[in-house]
Amino acid sequence: MSVRGADVGVDGTRRPGARATADLIAGMLHTALAAVESGAPLETVTRRTLALVRRCLVAQAGTEETPEGGR
């Protein structure tokens, strides 16, 4: 079931839909690129961006965890 761009899970909680998730990730990647272009260390930006992207893709109630360091 979809409600204003969000999917409603069987437990009744609202979760962002695929389009909203894609837009959020695109924004993260754009920001990461801008940070690198401004001189931020590539390794640091990559690690932090991957950690954020993984958090967007794993269900909050899921058992999967983001490994330490975002890898």
PDB file of N, CA and C in Angstrom:
ATOM      1  N   MET A   1       0.843  -1.169   0.000  1.00  0.00           N
ATOM      2  CA  MET A   1       0.000   0.000   0.000  1.00  0.00           C
ATOM      3  C   MET A   1       0.892   1.237   0.000  1.00  0.00           C
ATOM      4  N   SER A   2       0.548   2.226  -0.759  1.00  0.00           N
ATOM      5  CA  SER A   2       1.345   3.433  -0.849  1.00  0.00           C
ATOM      6  C   SER A   2       0.535   4.631  -0.358  1.00  0.00           C
ATOM      7  N   VAL A   3       1.143   5.440   0.500  1.00  0.00           N
ATOM      8  CA  VAL A   3       0.493   6.629   1.029  1.00  0.00           C
ATOM      9  C   VAL A   3       1.440   7.801   0.860  1.00  0.00           C
ATOM     10  N   ARG A   4       1.103   8.716  -0.034  1.00  0.00           N
ATOM     11  CA  ARG A   4       1.916   9.916  -0.258  1.00  0.00           C
ATOM     12  C   ARG A   4       3.404   9.612  -0.379  1.00  0.00           C
ATOM     13  N   GLY A   5       3.760   8.663  -1.234  1.00  0.00           N
ATOM     14  CA  GLY A   5       5.156   8.370  -1.482  1.00  0.00           C
ATOM     15  C   GLY A   5       5.814   7.469  -0.465  1.00  0.00           C
ATOM     16  N   ALA A   6       5.032   6.974   0.490  1.00  0.00           N
ATOM     17  CA  ALA A   6       5.601   6.072   1.486  1.00  0.00           C
ATOM     18  C   ALA A   6       4.903   4.726   1.396  1.00  0.00           C
ATOM     19  N   ASP A   7       5.628   3.676   1.699  1.00  0.00           N
ATOM     20  CA  ASP A   7       5.056   2.344   1.747  1.00  0.00           C
ATOM     21  C   ASP A   7       4.676   2.063   3.191  1.00  0.00           C
ATOM     22  N   VAL A   8       3.545   1.418   3.370  1.00  0.00           N
ATOM     23  CA  VAL A   8       3.103   1.064   4.712  1.00  0.00           C
ATOM     24  C   VAL A   8       3.350  -0.424   4.894  1.00  0.00           C
ATOM     25  N   GLY A   9       4.161  -0.769   5.889  1.00  0.00           N
ATOM     26  CA  GLY A   9       4.487  -2.160   6.147  1.00  0.00           C
ATOM     27  C   GLY A   9       3.336  -2.894   6.806  1.00  0.00           C
ATOM     28  N   VAL A  10       3.461  -4.201   6.921  1.00  0.00           N
ATOM     29  CA  VAL A  10       2.409  -5.013   7.531  1.00  0.00           C
ATOM     30  C   VAL A  10       2.188  -4.641   8.984  1.00  0.00           C
ATOM     31  N   ASP A  11       3.179  -4.060   9.627  1.00  0.00           N
ATOM     32  CA  ASP A  11       3.022  -3.641  11.016  1.00  0.00           C
ATOM     33  C   ASP A  11       2.434  -2.235  11.138  1.00  0.00           C
ATOM     34  N   GLY A  12       2.091  -1.634   9.988  1.00  0.00           N
ATOM     35  CA  GLY A  12       1.458  -0.320   9.990  1.00  0.00           C
ATOM     36  C   GLY A  12       2.420   0.853   9.981  1.00  0.00           C
ATOM     37  N   THR A  13       3.720   0.593  10.034  1.00  0.00           N
ATOM     38  CA  THR A  13       4.680   1.693  10.019  1.00  0.00           C
ATOM     39  C   THR A  13       4.885   2.188   8.596  1.00  0.00           C
ATOM     40  N   ARG A  14       5.141   3.466   8.475  1.00  0.00           N
ATOM     41  CA  ARG A  14       5.388   4.050   7.150  1.00  0.00           C
ATOM     42  C   ARG A  14       6.867   4.037   6.868  1.00  0.00           C
ATOM     43  N   ARG A  15       7.209   3.625   5.668  1.00  0.00           N
ATOM     44  CA  ARG A  15       8.599   3.591   5.222  1.00  0.00           C
ATOM     45  C   ARG A  15       8.694   4.358   3.915  1.00  0.00           C
ATOM     46  N   PRO A  16       9.817   5.042   3.690  1.00  0.00           N
ATOM     47  CA  PRO A  16       9.962   5.752   2.418  1.00  0.00           C
ATOM     48  C   PRO A  16       9.873   4.791   1.239  1.00  0.00           C
ATOM     49  N   GLY A  17       9.268   5.234   0.176  1.00  0.00           N
ATOM     50  CA  GLY A  17       9.184   4.428  -1.030  1.00  0.00           C
ATOM     51  C   GLY A  17      10.498   4.428  -1.782  1.00  0.00           C
ATOM     52  N   ALA A  18      10.544   3.659  -2.847  1.00  0.00           N
ATOM     53  CA  ALA A  18      11.770   3.519  -3.631  1.00  0.00           C
ATOM     54  C   ALA A  18      12.220   4.856  -4.214  1.00  0.00           C
ATOM     55  N   ARG A  19      11.283   5.657  -4.693  1.00  0.00           N
ATOM     56  CA  ARG A  19      11.655   6.950  -5.285  1.00  0.00           C
ATOM     57  C   ARG A  19      12.255   7.881  -4.237  1.00  0.00           C
ATOM     58  N   ALA A  20      11.660   7.928  -3.068  1.00  0.00           N
ATOM     59  CA  ALA A  20      12.190   8.792  -2.004  1.00  0.00           C
ATOM     60  C   ALA A  20      13.572   8.323  -1.568  1.00  0.00           C
ATOM     61  N   THR A  21      13.743   7.005  -1.480  1.00  0.00           N
ATOM     62  CA  THR A  21      15.040   6.453  -1.096  1.00  0.00           C
ATOM     63  C   THR A  21      16.100   6.786  -2.147  1.00  0.00           C
ATOM     64  N   ALA A  22      15.739   6.644  -3.420  1.00  0.00           N
ATOM     65  CA  ALA A  22      16.678   6.967  -4.506  1.00  0.00           C
ATOM     66  C   ALA A  22      17.057   8.445  -4.475  1.00  0.00           C
ATOM     67  N   ASP A  23      16.091   9.312  -4.233  1.00  0.00           N
ATOM     68  CA  ASP A  23      16.381  10.747  -4.149  1.00  0.00           C
ATOM     69  C   ASP A  23      17.307  11.053  -2.980  1.00  0.00           C
ATOM     70  N   LEU A  24      17.078  10.401  -1.863  1.00  0.00           N
ATOM     71  CA  LEU A  24      17.918  10.614  -0.680  1.00  0.00           C
ATOM     72  C   LEU A  24      19.353  10.174  -0.954  1.00  0.00           C
ATOM     73  N   ILE A  25      19.510   9.006  -1.563  1.00  0.00           N
ATOM     74  CA  ILE A  25      20.845   8.504  -1.878  1.00  0.00           C
ATOM     75  C   ILE A  25      21.527   9.396  -2.908  1.00  0.00           C
ATOM     76  N   ALA A  26      20.793   9.865  -3.907  1.00  0.00           N
ATOM     77  CA  ALA A  26      21.375  10.774  -4.903  1.00  0.00           C
ATOM     78  C   ALA A  26      21.883  12.047  -4.222  1.00  0.00           C
ATOM     79  N   GLY A  27      21.141  12.550  -3.258  1.00  0.00           N
ATOM     80  CA  GLY A  27      21.579  13.732  -2.516  1.00  0.00           C
ATOM     81  C   GLY A  27      22.845  13.472  -1.722  1.00  0.00           C
ATOM     82  N   MET A  28      22.941  12.280  -1.132  1.00  0.00           N
ATOM     83  CA  MET A  28      24.146  11.923  -0.383  1.00  0.00           C
ATOM     84  C   MET A  28      25.363  11.861  -1.305  1.00  0.00           C
ATOM     85  N   LEU A  29      25.175  11.255  -2.473  1.00  0.00           N
ATOM     86  CA  LEU A  29      26.284  11.140  -3.416  1.00  0.00           C
ATOM     87  C   LEU A  29      26.708  12.507  -3.941  1.00  0.00           C
ATOM     88  N   HIS A  30      25.746  13.373  -4.202  1.00  0.00           N
ATOM     89  CA  HIS A  30      26.052  14.732  -4.657  1.00  0.00           C
ATOM     90  C   HIS A  30      26.862  15.470  -3.583  1.00  0.00           C
ATOM     91  N   THR A  31      26.431  15.342  -2.340  1.00  0.00           N
ATOM     92  CA  THR A  31      27.130  15.997  -1.238  1.00  0.00           C
ATOM     93  C   THR A  31      28.531  15.428  -1.059  1.00  0.00           C
ATOM     94  N   ALA A  32      28.672  14.107  -1.208  1.00  0.00           N
ATOM     95  CA  ALA A  32      29.984  13.473  -1.088  1.00  0.00           C
ATOM     96  C   ALA A  32      30.932  13.984  -2.167  1.00  0.00           C
ATOM     97  N   LEU A  33      30.439  14.073  -3.382  1.00  0.00           N
ATOM     98  CA  LEU A  33      31.265  14.573  -4.480  1.00  0.00           C
ATOM     99  C   LEU A  33      31.710  16.010  -4.216  1.00  0.00           C
ATOM    100  N   ALA A  34      30.790  16.830  -3.739  1.00  0.00           N
ATOM    101  CA  ALA A  34      31.133  18.222  -3.430  1.00  0.00           C
ATOM    102  C   ALA A  34      32.186  18.293  -2.328  1.00  0.00           C
ATOM    103  N   ALA A  35      32.083  17.399  -1.337  1.00  0.00           N
ATOM    104  CA  ALA A  35      33.069  17.395  -0.252  1.00  0.00           C
ATOM    105  C   ALA A  35      34.457  17.046  -0.778  1.00  0.00           C
ATOM    106  N   VAL A  36      34.529  16.031  -1.643  1.00  0.00           N
ATOM    107  CA  VAL A  36      35.826  15.638  -2.212  1.00  0.00           C
ATOM    108  C   VAL A  36      36.381  16.763  -3.077  1.00  0.00           C
ATOM    109  N   GLU A  37      35.522  17.383  -3.872  1.00  0.00           N
ATOM    110  CA  GLU A  37      35.973  18.492  -4.719  1.00  0.00           C
ATOM    111  C   GLU A  37      36.461  19.676  -3.894  1.00  0.00           C
ATOM    112  N   SER A  38      35.976  19.784  -2.656  1.00  0.00           N
ATOM    113  CA  SER A  38      36.394  20.879  -1.772  1.00  0.00           C
ATOM    114  C   SER A  38      37.618  20.523  -0.941  1.00  0.00           C
ATOM    115  N   GLY A  39      38.150  19.309  -1.164  1.00  0.00           N
ATOM    116  CA  GLY A  39      39.383  18.945  -0.498  1.00  0.00           C
ATOM    117  C   GLY A  39      39.277  17.941   0.636  1.00  0.00           C
ATOM    118  N   ALA A  40      38.079  17.441   0.924  1.00  0.00           N
ATOM    119  CA  ALA A  40      37.943  16.435   1.980  1.00  0.00           C
ATOM    120  C   ALA A  40      38.624  15.141   1.533  1.00  0.00           C
ATOM    121  N   PRO A  41      39.208  14.409   2.459  1.00  0.00           N
ATOM    122  CA  PRO A  41      39.896  13.165   2.101  1.00  0.00           C
ATOM    123  C   PRO A  41      38.920  12.140   1.501  1.00  0.00           C
ATOM    124  N   LEU A  42      39.292  11.588   0.358  1.00  0.00           N
ATOM    125  CA  LEU A  42      38.443  10.637  -0.344  1.00  0.00           C
ATOM    126  C   LEU A  42      38.068   9.446   0.537  1.00  0.00           C
ATOM    127  N   GLU A  43      39.024   8.889   1.257  1.00  0.00           N
ATOM    128  CA  GLU A  43      38.765   7.718   2.110  1.00  0.00           C
ATOM    129  C   GLU A  43      37.702   8.027   3.169  1.00  0.00           C
ATOM    130  N   THR A  44      37.814   9.169   3.804  1.00  0.00           N
ATOM    131  CA  THR A  44      36.853   9.562   4.838  1.00  0.00           C
ATOM    132  C   THR A  44      35.464   9.756   4.247  1.00  0.00           C
ATOM    133  N   VAL A  45      35.389  10.475   3.144  1.00  0.00           N
ATOM    134  CA  VAL A  45      34.099  10.732   2.497  1.00  0.00           C
ATOM    135  C   VAL A  45      33.462   9.422   2.043  1.00  0.00           C
ATOM    136  N   THR A  46      34.251   8.539   1.462  1.00  0.00           N
ATOM    137  CA  THR A  46      33.738   7.259   0.987  1.00  0.00           C
ATOM    138  C   THR A  46      33.190   6.436   2.141  1.00  0.00           C
ATOM    139  N   ARG A  47      33.947   6.336   3.219  1.00  0.00           N
ATOM    140  CA  ARG A  47      33.529   5.545   4.374  1.00  0.00           C
ATOM    141  C   ARG A  47      32.225   6.071   4.962  1.00  0.00           C
ATOM    142  N   ARG A  48      32.144   7.371   5.157  1.00  0.00           N
ATOM    143  CA  ARG A  48      30.935   7.959   5.758  1.00  0.00           C
ATOM    144  C   ARG A  48      29.733   7.857   4.825  1.00  0.00           C
ATOM    145  N   THR A  49      29.947   8.067   3.544  1.00  0.00           N
ATOM    146  CA  THR A  49      28.844   7.994   2.587  1.00  0.00           C
ATOM    147  C   THR A  49      28.306   6.576   2.492  1.00  0.00           C
ATOM    148  N   LEU A  50      29.190   5.586   2.431  1.00  0.00           N
ATOM    149  CA  LEU A  50      28.737   4.199   2.382  1.00  0.00           C
ATOM    150  C   LEU A  50      27.948   3.813   3.628  1.00  0.00           C
ATOM    151  N   ALA A  51      28.381   4.287   4.781  1.00  0.00           N
ATOM    152  CA  ALA A  51      27.653   3.994   6.017  1.00  0.00           C
ATOM    153  C   ALA A  51      26.244   4.578   5.961  1.00  0.00           C
ATOM    154  N   LEU A  52      26.121   5.799   5.481  1.00  0.00           N
ATOM    155  CA  LEU A  52      24.799   6.434   5.378  1.00  0.00           C
ATOM    156  C   LEU A  52      23.909   5.728   4.362  1.00  0.00           C
ATOM    157  N   VAL A  53      24.461   5.381   3.217  1.00  0.00           N
ATOM    158  CA  VAL A  53      23.681   4.696   2.189  1.00  0.00           C
ATOM    159  C   VAL A  53      23.189   3.350   2.712  1.00  0.00           C
ATOM    160  N   ARG A  54      24.055   2.622   3.383  1.00  0.00           N
ATOM    161  CA  ARG A  54      23.642   1.326   3.932  1.00  0.00           C
ATOM    162  C   ARG A  54      22.522   1.481   4.947  1.00  0.00           C
ATOM    163  N   ARG A  55      22.580   2.535   5.751  1.00  0.00           N
ATOM    164  CA  ARG A  55      21.509   2.765   6.729  1.00  0.00           C
ATOM    165  C   ARG A  55      20.179   3.020   6.044  1.00  0.00           C
ATOM    166  N   CYS A  56      20.209   3.625   4.872  1.00  0.00           N
ATOM    167  CA  CYS A  56      18.974   3.882   4.122  1.00  0.00           C
ATOM    168  C   CYS A  56      18.385   2.605   3.541  1.00  0.00           C
ATOM    169  N   LEU A  57      19.235   1.637   3.260  1.00  0.00           N
ATOM    170  CA  LEU A  57      18.800   0.435   2.568  1.00  0.00           C
ATOM    171  C   LEU A  57      18.449  -0.721   3.496  1.00  0.00           C
ATOM    172  N   VAL A  58      18.795  -0.623   4.761  1.00  0.00           N
ATOM    173  CA  VAL A  58      18.503  -1.689   5.722  1.00  0.00           C
ATOM    174  C   VAL A  58      17.275  -1.290   6.521  1.00  0.00           C
ATOM    175  N   ALA A  59      16.316  -2.197   6.609  1.00  0.00           N
ATOM    176  CA  ALA A  59      15.108  -1.931   7.397  1.00  0.00           C
ATOM    177  C   ALA A  59      15.496  -1.663   8.843  1.00  0.00           C
ATOM    178  N   GLN A  60      14.832  -0.707   9.472  1.00  0.00           N
ATOM    179  CA  GLN A  60      15.168  -0.357  10.848  1.00  0.00           C
ATOM    180  C   GLN A  60      15.023  -1.536  11.796  1.00  0.00           C
ATOM    181  N   ALA A  61      14.052  -2.385  11.556  1.00  0.00           N
ATOM    182  CA  ALA A  61      13.842  -3.536  12.426  1.00  0.00           C
ATOM    183  C   ALA A  61      14.618  -4.755  11.944  1.00  0.00           C
ATOM    184  N   GLY A  62      15.403  -4.580  10.867  1.00  0.00           N
ATOM    185  CA  GLY A  62      16.149  -5.697  10.296  1.00  0.00           C
ATOM    186  C   GLY A  62      17.284  -6.143  11.191  1.00  0.00           C
ATOM    187  N   THR A  63      17.798  -7.321  10.913  1.00  0.00           N
ATOM    188  CA  THR A  63      18.881  -7.861  11.723  1.00  0.00           C
ATOM    189  C   THR A  63      20.242  -7.496  11.161  1.00  0.00           C
ATOM    190  N   GLU A  64      20.268  -6.990   9.941  1.00  0.00           N
ATOM    191  CA  GLU A  64      21.539  -6.645   9.318  1.00  0.00           C
ATOM    192  C   GLU A  64      22.105  -5.390   9.958  1.00  0.00           C
ATOM    193  N   GLU A  65      23.389  -5.389  10.213  1.00  0.00           N
ATOM    194  CA  GLU A  65      24.050  -4.232  10.789  1.00  0.00           C
ATOM    195  C   GLU A  65      25.105  -3.711   9.836  1.00  0.00           C
ATOM    196  N   THR A  66      25.339  -2.413   9.900  1.00  0.00           N
ATOM    197  CA  THR A  66      26.410  -1.827   9.112  1.00  0.00           C
ATOM    198  C   THR A  66      27.714  -2.127   9.836  1.00  0.00           C
ATOM    199  N   PRO A  67      28.662  -2.751   9.174  1.00  0.00           N
ATOM    200  CA  PRO A  67      29.939  -3.049   9.818  1.00  0.00           C
ATOM    201  C   PRO A  67      30.622  -1.790  10.309  1.00  0.00           C
ATOM    202  N   GLU A  68      31.415  -1.934  11.320  1.00  0.00           N
ATOM    203  CA  GLU A  68      32.140  -0.786  11.864  1.00  0.00           C
ATOM    204  C   GLU A  68      32.997  -0.160  10.764  1.00  0.00           C
ATOM    205  N   GLY A  69      32.991   1.134  10.697  1.00  0.00           N
ATOM    206  CA  GLY A  69      33.754   1.838   9.678  1.00  0.00           C
ATOM    207  C   GLY A  69      32.995   1.994   8.376  1.00  0.00           C
ATOM    208  N   GLY A  70      31.740   1.506   8.325  1.00  0.00           N
ATOM    209  CA  GLY A  70      30.925   1.692   7.126  1.00  0.00           C
ATOM    210  C   GLY A  70      31.303   0.813   5.966  1.00  0.00           C
ATOM    211  N   ARG A  71      31.995  -0.269   6.195  1.00  0.00           N
ATOM    212  CA  ARG A  71      32.403  -1.147   5.094  1.00  0.00           C
ATOM    213  C   ARG A  71      31.694  -2.459   5.161  1.00  0.00           C
TER     214      ARG A  71
END
